[in-house]
Amino acid sequence: MITTAMPDPNRCPPHPGEVIEDLLADLDYSKSRIAQMLGISRQQLHAILAARKPVSPEMAARLGKLFGNGPVLWLRLQAAYDAWHVEREIDVSQVPSLRVA
């Protein structure tokens, strides 16, 4: 029997910065060097790593090139993180749902 793991809807998906931190733990590069390779400031990188700043499409392209996995992964990570938060923070109870005929 094959079972698939369902994500816990109450658990926030990781911010892309957390994933970057995990990758950096396995690499022998300083954060300053990584920021330099990405063409950004150390402060900008630290803001992403601390989940204070989102990964933009431009940053996703840079990260995808640096880590060799393309921008889509980084954009999906950011979208999942953002969607999880917005579902809990924005009250849409007064917005109707349209039905297509």
PDB file of N, CA and C in Angstrom:
ATOM      1  N   MET A   1       0.838  -1.181   0.000  1.00  0.00           N
ATOM      2  CA  MET A   1       0.000   0.000   0.000  1.00  0.00           C
ATOM      3  C   MET A   1       0.885   1.247   0.000  1.00  0.00           C
ATOM      4  N   ILE A   2       0.555   2.183  -0.859  1.00  0.00           N
ATOM      5  CA  ILE A   2       1.306   3.428  -0.956  1.00  0.00           C
ATOM      6  C   ILE A   2       0.496   4.521  -0.277  1.00  0.00           C
ATOM      7  N   THR A   3       1.147   5.239   0.610  1.00  0.00           N
ATOM      8  CA  THR A   3       0.499   6.375   1.259  1.00  0.00           C
ATOM      9  C   THR A   3       1.264   7.630   0.909  1.00  0.00           C
ATOM     10  N   THR A   4       0.533   8.715   0.850  1.00  0.00           N
ATOM     11  CA  THR A   4       1.182   9.994   0.569  1.00  0.00           C
ATOM     12  C   THR A   4       1.010  10.892   1.787  1.00  0.00           C
ATOM     13  N   ALA A   5       2.021  11.604   2.090  1.00  0.00           N
ATOM     14  CA  ALA A   5       1.988  12.523   3.231  1.00  0.00           C
ATOM     15  C   ALA A   5       1.252  13.788   2.831  1.00  0.00           C
ATOM     16  N   MET A   6       0.307  14.154   3.623  1.00  0.00           N
ATOM     17  CA  MET A   6      -0.431  15.393   3.389  1.00  0.00           C
ATOM     18  C   MET A   6       0.185  16.487   4.266  1.00  0.00           C
ATOM     19  N   PRO A   7       0.396  17.649   3.683  1.00  0.00           N
ATOM     20  CA  PRO A   7       0.962  18.720   4.490  1.00  0.00           C
ATOM     21  C   PRO A   7      -0.021  19.145   5.580  1.00  0.00           C
ATOM     22  N   ASP A   8       0.507  19.513   6.713  1.00  0.00           N
ATOM     23  CA  ASP A   8      -0.312  19.983   7.824  1.00  0.00           C
ATOM     24  C   ASP A   8      -0.762  21.409   7.507  1.00  0.00           C
ATOM     25  N   PRO A   9      -2.071  21.634   7.329  1.00  0.00           N
ATOM     26  CA  PRO A   9      -2.539  22.975   6.964  1.00  0.00           C
ATOM     27  C   PRO A   9      -2.310  24.016   8.063  1.00  0.00           C
ATOM     28  N   ASN A  10      -2.039  23.555   9.274  1.00  0.00           N
ATOM     29  CA  ASN A  10      -1.786  24.492  10.372  1.00  0.00           C
ATOM     30  C   ASN A  10      -0.311  24.853  10.504  1.00  0.00           C
ATOM     31  N   ARG A  11       0.515  24.228   9.710  1.00  0.00           N
ATOM     32  CA  ARG A  11       1.955  24.494   9.767  1.00  0.00           C
ATOM     33  C   ARG A  11       2.358  25.407   8.609  1.00  0.00           C
ATOM     34  N   CYS A  12       2.979  26.497   8.953  1.00  0.00           N
ATOM     35  CA  CYS A  12       3.400  27.468   7.941  1.00  0.00           C
ATOM     36  C   CYS A  12       4.482  26.868   7.049  1.00  0.00           C
ATOM     37  N   PRO A  13       4.325  26.981   5.722  1.00  0.00           N
ATOM     38  CA  PRO A  13       5.402  26.532   4.834  1.00  0.00           C
ATOM     39  C   PRO A  13       6.661  27.357   5.090  1.00  0.00           C
ATOM     40  N   PRO A  14       7.817  26.815   4.791  1.00  0.00           N
ATOM     41  CA  PRO A  14       9.046  27.574   5.050  1.00  0.00           C
ATOM     42  C   PRO A  14       9.166  28.796   4.143  1.00  0.00           C
ATOM     43  N   HIS A  15       9.673  29.854   4.719  1.00  0.00           N
ATOM     44  CA  HIS A  15      10.026  31.030   3.918  1.00  0.00           C
ATOM     45  C   HIS A  15      11.253  30.628   3.097  1.00  0.00           C
ATOM     46  N   PRO A  16      11.389  31.146   1.875  1.00  0.00           N
ATOM     47  CA  PRO A  16      12.579  30.815   1.083  1.00  0.00           C
ATOM     48  C   PRO A  16      13.887  31.071   1.817  1.00  0.00           C
ATOM     49  N   GLY A  17      13.910  32.053   2.705  1.00  0.00           N
ATOM     50  CA  GLY A  17      15.112  32.336   3.487  1.00  0.00           C
ATOM     51  C   GLY A  17      15.540  31.162   4.339  1.00  0.00           C
ATOM     52  N   GLU A  18      14.570  30.413   4.878  1.00  0.00           N
ATOM     53  CA  GLU A  18      14.894  29.226   5.671  1.00  0.00           C
ATOM     54  C   GLU A  18      15.565  28.167   4.803  1.00  0.00           C
ATOM     55  N   VAL A  19      15.078  28.019   3.591  1.00  0.00           N
ATOM     56  CA  VAL A  19      15.657  27.040   2.665  1.00  0.00           C
ATOM     57  C   VAL A  19      17.073  27.458   2.282  1.00  0.00           C
ATOM     58  N   ILE A  20      17.264  28.739   2.044  1.00  0.00           N
ATOM     59  CA  ILE A  20      18.605  29.248   1.731  1.00  0.00           C
ATOM     60  C   ILE A  20      19.547  28.968   2.898  1.00  0.00           C
ATOM     61  N   GLU A  21      19.078  29.228   4.121  1.00  0.00           N
ATOM     62  CA  GLU A  21      19.900  28.957   5.309  1.00  0.00           C
ATOM     63  C   GLU A  21      20.325  27.490   5.343  1.00  0.00           C
ATOM     64  N   ASP A  22      19.403  26.582   5.058  1.00  0.00           N
ATOM     65  CA  ASP A  22      19.725  25.154   5.042  1.00  0.00           C
ATOM     66  C   ASP A  22      20.776  24.834   3.988  1.00  0.00           C
ATOM     67  N   LEU A  23      20.632  25.446   2.815  1.00  0.00           N
ATOM     68  CA  LEU A  23      21.614  25.215   1.752  1.00  0.00           C
ATOM     69  C   LEU A  23      22.983  25.769   2.128  1.00  0.00           C
ATOM     70  N   LEU A  24      22.985  26.937   2.738  1.00  0.00           N
ATOM     71  CA  LEU A  24      24.257  27.565   3.111  1.00  0.00           C
ATOM     72  C   LEU A  24      24.988  26.760   4.180  1.00  0.00           C
ATOM     73  N   ALA A  25      24.236  26.061   5.012  1.00  0.00           N
ATOM     74  CA  ALA A  25      24.861  25.242   6.054  1.00  0.00           C
ATOM     75  C   ALA A  25      25.730  24.144   5.448  1.00  0.00           C
ATOM     76  N   ASP A  26      25.394  23.726   4.228  1.00  0.00           N
ATOM     77  CA  ASP A  26      26.153  22.671   3.560  1.00  0.00           C
ATOM     78  C   ASP A  26      27.246  23.199   2.638  1.00  0.00           C
ATOM     79  N   LEU A  27      27.324  24.509   2.501  1.00  0.00           N
ATOM     80  CA  LEU A  27      28.313  25.117   1.606  1.00  0.00           C
ATOM     81  C   LEU A  27      29.399  25.826   2.405  1.00  0.00           C
ATOM     82  N   ASP A  28      30.543  25.961   1.806  1.00  0.00           N
ATOM     83  CA  ASP A  28      31.666  26.607   2.475  1.00  0.00           C
ATOM     84  C   ASP A  28      31.835  28.041   1.970  1.00  0.00           C
ATOM     85  N   TYR A  29      30.747  28.818   2.043  1.00  0.00           N
ATOM     86  CA  TYR A  29      30.783  30.218   1.630  1.00  0.00           C
ATOM     87  C   TYR A  29      30.192  31.066   2.735  1.00  0.00           C
ATOM     88  N   SER A  30      30.770  32.225   2.948  1.00  0.00           N
ATOM     89  CA  SER A  30      30.207  33.148   3.924  1.00  0.00           C
ATOM     90  C   SER A  30      28.950  33.788   3.339  1.00  0.00           C
ATOM     91  N   LYS A  31      28.132  34.327   4.205  1.00  0.00           N
ATOM     92  CA  LYS A  31      26.933  35.028   3.737  1.00  0.00           C
ATOM     93  C   LYS A  31      27.319  36.271   2.944  1.00  0.00           C
ATOM     94  N   SER A  32      28.416  36.888   3.329  1.00  0.00           N
ATOM     95  CA  SER A  32      28.900  38.048   2.573  1.00  0.00           C
ATOM     96  C   SER A  32      29.249  37.645   1.147  1.00  0.00           C
ATOM     97  N   ARG A  33      29.902  36.513   1.011  1.00  0.00           N
ATOM     98  CA  ARG A  33      30.287  36.021  -0.327  1.00  0.00           C
ATOM     99  C   ARG A  33      29.054  35.648  -1.141  1.00  0.00           C
ATOM    100  N   ILE A  34      28.079  35.013  -0.504  1.00  0.00           N
ATOM    101  CA  ILE A  34      26.839  34.655  -1.205  1.00  0.00           C
ATOM    102  C   ILE A  34      26.131  35.921  -1.686  1.00  0.00           C
ATOM    103  N   ALA A  35      26.045  36.934  -0.817  1.00  0.00           N
ATOM    104  CA  ALA A  35      25.426  38.204  -1.207  1.00  0.00           C
ATOM    105  C   ALA A  35      26.160  38.813  -2.396  1.00  0.00           C
ATOM    106  N   GLN A  36      27.471  38.760  -2.353  1.00  0.00           N
ATOM    107  CA  GLN A  36      28.280  39.294  -3.452  1.00  0.00           C
ATOM    108  C   GLN A  36      27.990  38.527  -4.745  1.00  0.00           C
ATOM    109  N   MET A  37      27.921  37.194  -4.665  1.00  0.00           N
ATOM    110  CA  MET A  37      27.633  36.389  -5.862  1.00  0.00           C
ATOM    111  C   MET A  37      26.243  36.678  -6.412  1.00  0.00           C
ATOM    112  N   LEU A  38      25.303  36.998  -5.525  1.00  0.00           N
ATOM    113  CA  LEU A  38      23.947  37.324  -5.960  1.00  0.00           C
ATOM    114  C   LEU A  38      23.831  38.760  -6.471  1.00  0.00           C
ATOM    115  N   GLY A  39      24.844  39.568  -6.196  1.00  0.00           N
ATOM    116  CA  GLY A  39      24.811  40.967  -6.620  1.00  0.00           C
ATOM    117  C   GLY A  39      23.909  41.820  -5.745  1.00  0.00           C
ATOM    118  N   ILE A  40      23.815  41.461  -4.456  1.00  0.00           N
ATOM    119  CA  ILE A  40      22.986  42.207  -3.512  1.00  0.00           C
ATOM    120  C   ILE A  40      23.821  42.547  -2.277  1.00  0.00           C
ATOM    121  N   SER A  41      23.266  43.404  -1.434  1.00  0.00           N
ATOM    122  CA  SER A  41      23.975  43.759  -0.208  1.00  0.00           C
ATOM    123  C   SER A  41      23.810  42.657   0.838  1.00  0.00           C
ATOM    124  N   ARG A  42      24.707  42.647   1.808  1.00  0.00           N
ATOM    125  CA  ARG A  42      24.596  41.705   2.926  1.00  0.00           C
ATOM    126  C   ARG A  42      23.282  41.928   3.676  1.00  0.00           C
ATOM    127  N   GLN A  43      22.909  43.190   3.821  1.00  0.00           N
ATOM    128  CA  GLN A  43      21.686  43.526   4.532  1.00  0.00           C
ATOM    129  C   GLN A  43      20.465  42.946   3.816  1.00  0.00           C
ATOM    130  N   GLN A  44      20.463  43.021   2.496  1.00  0.00           N
ATOM    131  CA  GLN A  44      19.344  42.474   1.729  1.00  0.00           C
ATOM    132  C   GLN A  44      19.275  40.958   1.911  1.00  0.00           C
ATOM    133  N   LEU A  45      20.410  40.296   1.853  1.00  0.00           N
ATOM    134  CA  LEU A  45      20.431  38.846   2.054  1.00  0.00           C
ATOM    135  C   LEU A  45      19.958  38.499   3.464  1.00  0.00           C
ATOM    136  N   HIS A  46      20.445  39.213   4.458  1.00  0.00           N
ATOM    137  CA  HIS A  46      20.040  38.931   5.839  1.00  0.00           C
ATOM    138  C   HIS A  46      18.538  39.153   6.038  1.00  0.00           C
ATOM    139  N   ALA A  47      17.959  40.136   5.358  1.00  0.00           N
ATOM    140  CA  ALA A  47      16.519  40.382   5.454  1.00  0.00           C
ATOM    141  C   ALA A  47      15.729  39.215   4.869  1.00  0.00           C
ATOM    142  N   ILE A  48      16.224  38.633   3.796  1.00  0.00           N
ATOM    143  CA  ILE A  48      15.569  37.456   3.209  1.00  0.00           C
ATOM    144  C   ILE A  48      15.734  36.261   4.140  1.00  0.00           C
ATOM    145  N   LEU A  49      16.936  36.049   4.641  1.00  0.00           N
ATOM    146  CA  LEU A  49      17.192  34.914   5.528  1.00  0.00           C
ATOM    147  C   LEU A  49      16.346  34.990   6.795  1.00  0.00           C
ATOM    148  N   ALA A  50      16.080  36.193   7.283  1.00  0.00           N
ATOM    149  CA  ALA A  50      15.285  36.387   8.493  1.00  0.00           C
ATOM    150  C   ALA A  50      13.783  36.461   8.196  1.00  0.00           C
ATOM    151  N   ALA A  51      13.402  36.230   6.944  1.00  0.00           N
ATOM    152  CA  ALA A  51      11.997  36.257   6.506  1.00  0.00           C
ATOM    153  C   ALA A  51      11.368  37.639   6.686  1.00  0.00           C
ATOM    154  N   ARG A  52      12.191  38.680   6.687  1.00  0.00           N
ATOM    155  CA  ARG A  52      11.681  40.051   6.768  1.00  0.00           C
ATOM    156  C   ARG A  52      11.406  40.609   5.380  1.00  0.00           C
ATOM    157  N   LYS A  53      11.971  39.967   4.359  1.00  0.00           N
ATOM    158  CA  LYS A  53      11.823  40.439   2.988  1.00  0.00           C
ATOM    159  C   LYS A  53      11.453  39.251   2.113  1.00  0.00           C
ATOM    160  N   PRO A  54      10.491  39.429   1.201  1.00  0.00           N
ATOM    161  CA  PRO A  54      10.122  38.309   0.324  1.00  0.00           C
ATOM    162  C   PRO A  54      11.131  38.126  -0.809  1.00  0.00           C
ATOM    163  N   VAL A  55      11.064  36.972  -1.427  1.00  0.00           N
ATOM    164  CA  VAL A  55      11.876  36.703  -2.606  1.00  0.00           C
ATOM    165  C   VAL A  55      11.084  37.190  -3.821  1.00  0.00           C
ATOM    166  N   SER A  56      11.594  38.210  -4.478  1.00  0.00           N
ATOM    167  CA  SER A  56      10.955  38.779  -5.664  1.00  0.00           C
ATOM    168  C   SER A  56      11.266  37.892  -6.877  1.00  0.00           C
ATOM    169  N   PRO A  57      10.550  38.078  -7.980  1.00  0.00           N
ATOM    170  CA  PRO A  57      10.890  37.322  -9.189  1.00  0.00           C
ATOM    171  C   PRO A  57      12.348  37.521  -9.619  1.00  0.00           C
ATOM    172  N   GLU A  58      12.853  38.748  -9.495  1.00  0.00           N
ATOM    173  CA  GLU A  58      14.256  39.001  -9.848  1.00  0.00           C
ATOM    174  C   GLU A  58      15.194  38.219  -8.934  1.00  0.00           C
ATOM    175  N   MET A  59      14.902  38.236  -7.635  1.00  0.00           N
ATOM    176  CA  MET A  59      15.742  37.499  -6.688  1.00  0.00           C
ATOM    177  C   MET A  59      15.621  36.000  -6.932  1.00  0.00           C
ATOM    178  N   ALA A  60      14.426  35.539  -7.293  1.00  0.00           N
ATOM    179  CA  ALA A  60      14.234  34.119  -7.599  1.00  0.00           C
ATOM    180  C   ALA A  60      15.114  33.709  -8.782  1.00  0.00           C
ATOM    181  N   ALA A  61      15.224  34.572  -9.775  1.00  0.00           N
ATOM    182  CA  ALA A  61      16.089  34.281 -10.919  1.00  0.00           C
ATOM    183  C   ALA A  61      17.549  34.196 -10.479  1.00  0.00           C
ATOM    184  N   ARG A  62      17.956  35.099  -9.613  1.00  0.00           N
ATOM    185  CA  ARG A  62      19.340  35.087  -9.116  1.00  0.00           C
ATOM    186  C   ARG A  62      19.620  33.828  -8.287  1.00  0.00           C
ATOM    187  N   LEU A  63      18.681  33.496  -7.378  1.00  0.00           N
ATOM    188  CA  LEU A  63      18.848  32.305  -6.542  1.00  0.00           C
ATOM    189  C   LEU A  63      18.840  31.042  -7.397  1.00  0.00           C
ATOM    190  N   GLY A  64      17.950  30.997  -8.375  1.00  0.00           N
ATOM    191  CA  GLY A  64      17.869  29.842  -9.259  1.00  0.00           C
ATOM    192  C   GLY A  64      19.148  29.619 -10.040  1.00  0.00           C
ATOM    193  N   LYS A  65      19.776  30.690 -10.453  1.00  0.00           N
ATOM    194  CA  LYS A  65      21.050  30.588 -11.166  1.00  0.00           C
ATOM    195  C   LYS A  65      22.154  30.147 -10.215  1.00  0.00           C
ATOM    196  N   LEU A  66      22.207  30.771  -9.032  1.00  0.00           N
ATOM    197  CA  LEU A  66      23.255  30.464  -8.069  1.00  0.00           C
ATOM    198  C   LEU A  66      23.206  28.999  -7.627  1.00  0.00           C
ATOM    199  N   PHE A  67      22.002  28.526  -7.289  1.00  0.00           N
ATOM    200  CA  PHE A  67      21.876  27.163  -6.778  1.00  0.00           C
ATOM    201  C   PHE A  67      21.583  26.130  -7.865  1.00  0.00           C
ATOM    202  N   GLY A  68      21.399  26.598  -9.098  1.00  0.00           N
ATOM    203  CA  GLY A  68      21.233  25.683 -10.228  1.00  0.00           C
ATOM    204  C   GLY A  68      19.885  25.005 -10.324  1.00  0.00           C
ATOM    205  N   ASN A  69      18.856  25.582  -9.686  1.00  0.00           N
ATOM    206  CA  ASN A  69      17.550  24.939  -9.737  1.00  0.00           C
ATOM    207  C   ASN A  69      16.470  25.801 -10.374  1.00  0.00           C
ATOM    208  N   GLY A  70      16.831  26.920 -10.970  1.00  0.00           N
ATOM    209  CA  GLY A  70      15.875  27.777 -11.655  1.00  0.00           C
ATOM    210  C   GLY A  70      15.024  28.604 -10.704  1.00  0.00           C
ATOM    211  N   PRO A  71      14.307  29.582 -11.228  1.00  0.00           N
ATOM    212  CA  PRO A  71      13.534  30.498 -10.396  1.00  0.00           C
ATOM    213  C   PRO A  71      12.213  29.937  -9.885  1.00  0.00           C
ATOM    214  N   VAL A  72      11.663  28.934 -10.553  1.00  0.00           N
ATOM    215  CA  VAL A  72      10.319  28.460 -10.212  1.00  0.00           C
ATOM    216  C   VAL A  72      10.233  27.953  -8.779  1.00  0.00           C
ATOM    217  N   LEU A  73      11.217  27.203  -8.329  1.00  0.00           N
ATOM    218  CA  LEU A  73      11.219  26.700  -6.952  1.00  0.00           C
ATOM    219  C   LEU A  73      11.096  27.846  -5.961  1.00  0.00           C
ATOM    220  N   TRP A  74      11.883  28.883  -6.141  1.00  0.00           N
ATOM    221  CA  TRP A  74      11.912  30.008  -5.212  1.00  0.00           C
ATOM    222  C   TRP A  74      10.607  30.785  -5.245  1.00  0.00           C
ATOM    223  N   LEU A  75      10.024  30.935  -6.434  1.00  0.00           N
ATOM    224  CA  LEU A  75       8.741  31.626  -6.542  1.00  0.00           C
ATOM    225  C   LEU A  75       7.629  30.806  -5.887  1.00  0.00           C
ATOM    226  N   ARG A  76       7.658  29.488  -6.049  1.00  0.00           N
ATOM    227  CA  ARG A  76       6.640  28.641  -5.418  1.00  0.00           C
ATOM    228  C   ARG A  76       6.775  28.643  -3.899  1.00  0.00           C
ATOM    229  N   LEU A  77       7.990  28.614  -3.402  1.00  0.00           N
ATOM    230  CA  LEU A  77       8.188  28.687  -1.956  1.00  0.00           C
ATOM    231  C   LEU A  77       7.618  29.989  -1.402  1.00  0.00           C
ATOM    232  N   GLN A  78       7.903  31.100  -2.077  1.00  0.00           N
ATOM    233  CA  GLN A  78       7.402  32.393  -1.615  1.00  0.00           C
ATOM    234  C   GLN A  78       5.884  32.439  -1.709  1.00  0.00           C
ATOM    235  N   ALA A  79       5.313  31.930  -2.805  1.00  0.00           N
ATOM    236  CA  ALA A  79       3.854  31.936  -2.976  1.00  0.00           C
ATOM    237  C   ALA A  79       3.164  31.099  -1.904  1.00  0.00           C
ATOM    238  N   ALA A  80       3.716  29.928  -1.582  1.00  0.00           N
ATOM    239  CA  ALA A  80       3.126  29.074  -0.549  1.00  0.00           C
ATOM    240  C   ALA A  80       3.172  29.774   0.807  1.00  0.00           C
ATOM    241  N   TYR A  81       4.287  30.409   1.108  1.00  0.00           N
ATOM    242  CA  TYR A  81       4.452  31.136   2.372  1.00  0.00           C
ATOM    243  C   TYR A  81       3.452  32.291   2.448  1.00  0.00           C
ATOM    244  N   ASP A  82       3.361  33.063   1.366  1.00  0.00           N
ATOM    245  CA  ASP A  82       2.446  34.206   1.336  1.00  0.00           C
ATOM    246  C   ASP A  82       0.995  33.753   1.433  1.00  0.00           C
ATOM    247  N   ALA A  83       0.618  32.709   0.701  1.00  0.00           N
ATOM    248  CA  ALA A  83      -0.762  32.222   0.705  1.00  0.00           C
ATOM    249  C   ALA A  83      -1.169  31.745   2.091  1.00  0.00           C
ATOM    250  N   TRP A  84      -0.279  31.029   2.765  1.00  0.00           N
ATOM    251  CA  TRP A  84      -0.586  30.530   4.103  1.00  0.00           C
ATOM    252  C   TRP A  84      -0.896  31.694   5.043  1.00  0.00           C
ATOM    253  N   HIS A  85      -0.080  32.760   4.961  1.00  0.00           N
ATOM    254  CA  HIS A  85      -0.284  33.917   5.832  1.00  0.00           C
ATOM    255  C   HIS A  85      -1.543  34.695   5.465  1.00  0.00           C
ATOM    256  N   VAL A  86      -1.779  34.907   4.199  1.00  0.00           N
ATOM    257  CA  VAL A  86      -2.931  35.721   3.800  1.00  0.00           C
ATOM    258  C   VAL A  86      -4.236  35.010   4.134  1.00  0.00           C
ATOM    259  N   GLU A  87      -4.271  33.686   4.063  1.00  0.00           N
ATOM    260  CA  GLU A  87      -5.476  32.942   4.431  1.00  0.00           C
ATOM    261  C   GLU A  87      -5.829  33.135   5.901  1.00  0.00           C
ATOM    262  N   ARG A  88      -4.862  33.446   6.721  1.00  0.00           N
ATOM    263  CA  ARG A  88      -5.091  33.613   8.149  1.00  0.00           C
ATOM    264  C   ARG A  88      -5.212  35.073   8.577  1.00  0.00           C
ATOM    265  N   GLU A  89      -4.749  35.988   7.738  1.00  0.00           N
ATOM    266  CA  GLU A  89      -4.683  37.390   8.152  1.00  0.00           C
ATOM    267  C   GLU A  89      -5.710  38.299   7.484  1.00  0.00           C
ATOM    268  N   ILE A  90      -6.241  37.891   6.346  1.00  0.00           N
ATOM    269  CA  ILE A  90      -7.168  38.755   5.611  1.00  0.00           C
ATOM    270  C   ILE A  90      -8.590  38.216   5.750  1.00  0.00           C
ATOM    271  N   ASP A  91      -9.497  39.068   6.202  1.00  0.00           N
ATOM    272  CA  ASP A  91     -10.903  38.682   6.341  1.00  0.00           C
ATOM    273  C   ASP A  91     -11.608  38.893   5.006  1.00  0.00           C
ATOM    274  N   VAL A  92     -12.003  37.812   4.383  1.00  0.00           N
ATOM    275  CA  VAL A  92     -12.709  37.891   3.106  1.00  0.00           C
ATOM    276  C   VAL A  92     -14.157  37.434   3.252  1.00  0.00           C
ATOM    277  N   SER A  93     -14.644  37.388   4.476  1.00  0.00           N
ATOM    278  CA  SER A  93     -15.996  36.887   4.729  1.00  0.00           C
ATOM    279  C   SER A  93     -17.070  37.725   4.040  1.00  0.00           C
ATOM    280  N   GLN A  94     -16.797  38.983   3.766  1.00  0.00           N
ATOM    281  CA  GLN A  94     -17.785  39.851   3.123  1.00  0.00           C
ATOM    282  C   GLN A  94     -17.657  39.867   1.590  1.00  0.00           C
ATOM    283  N   VAL A  95     -16.695  39.137   1.058  1.00  0.00           N
ATOM    284  CA  VAL A  95     -16.498  39.092  -0.394  1.00  0.00           C
ATOM    285  C   VAL A  95     -17.297  37.916  -0.947  1.00  0.00           C
ATOM    286  N   PRO A  96     -18.194  38.194  -1.909  1.00  0.00           N
ATOM    287  CA  PRO A  96     -18.980  37.084  -2.468  1.00  0.00           C
ATOM    288  C   PRO A  96     -18.125  36.205  -3.391  1.00  0.00           C
ATOM    289  N   SER A  97     -18.608  34.995  -3.608  1.00  0.00           N
ATOM    290  CA  SER A  97     -17.959  34.084  -4.559  1.00  0.00           C
ATOM    291  C   SER A  97     -18.831  33.995  -5.799  1.00  0.00           C
ATOM    292  N   LEU A  98     -18.225  34.247  -6.936  1.00  0.00           N
ATOM    293  CA  LEU A  98     -18.955  34.188  -8.210  1.00  0.00           C
ATOM    294  C   LEU A  98     -18.963  32.769  -8.739  1.00  0.00           C
ATOM    295  N   ARG A  99     -19.993  32.426  -9.438  1.00  0.00           N
ATOM    296  CA  ARG A  99     -20.078  31.113 -10.084  1.00  0.00           C
ATOM    297  C   ARG A  99     -20.218  31.313 -11.587  1.00  0.00           C
ATOM    298  N   VAL A 100     -19.412  30.618 -12.344  1.00  0.00           N
ATOM    299  CA  VAL A 100     -19.484  30.705 -13.797  1.00  0.00           C
ATOM    300  C   VAL A 100     -20.592  29.772 -14.275  1.00  0.00           C
ATOM    301  N   ALA A 101     -21.438  30.263 -15.150  1.00  0.00           N
ATOM    302  CA  ALA A 101     -22.574  29.458 -15.636  1.00  0.00           C
ATOM    303  C   ALA A 101     -22.124  28.350 -16.554  1.00  0.00           C
TER     304      ALA A 101
END
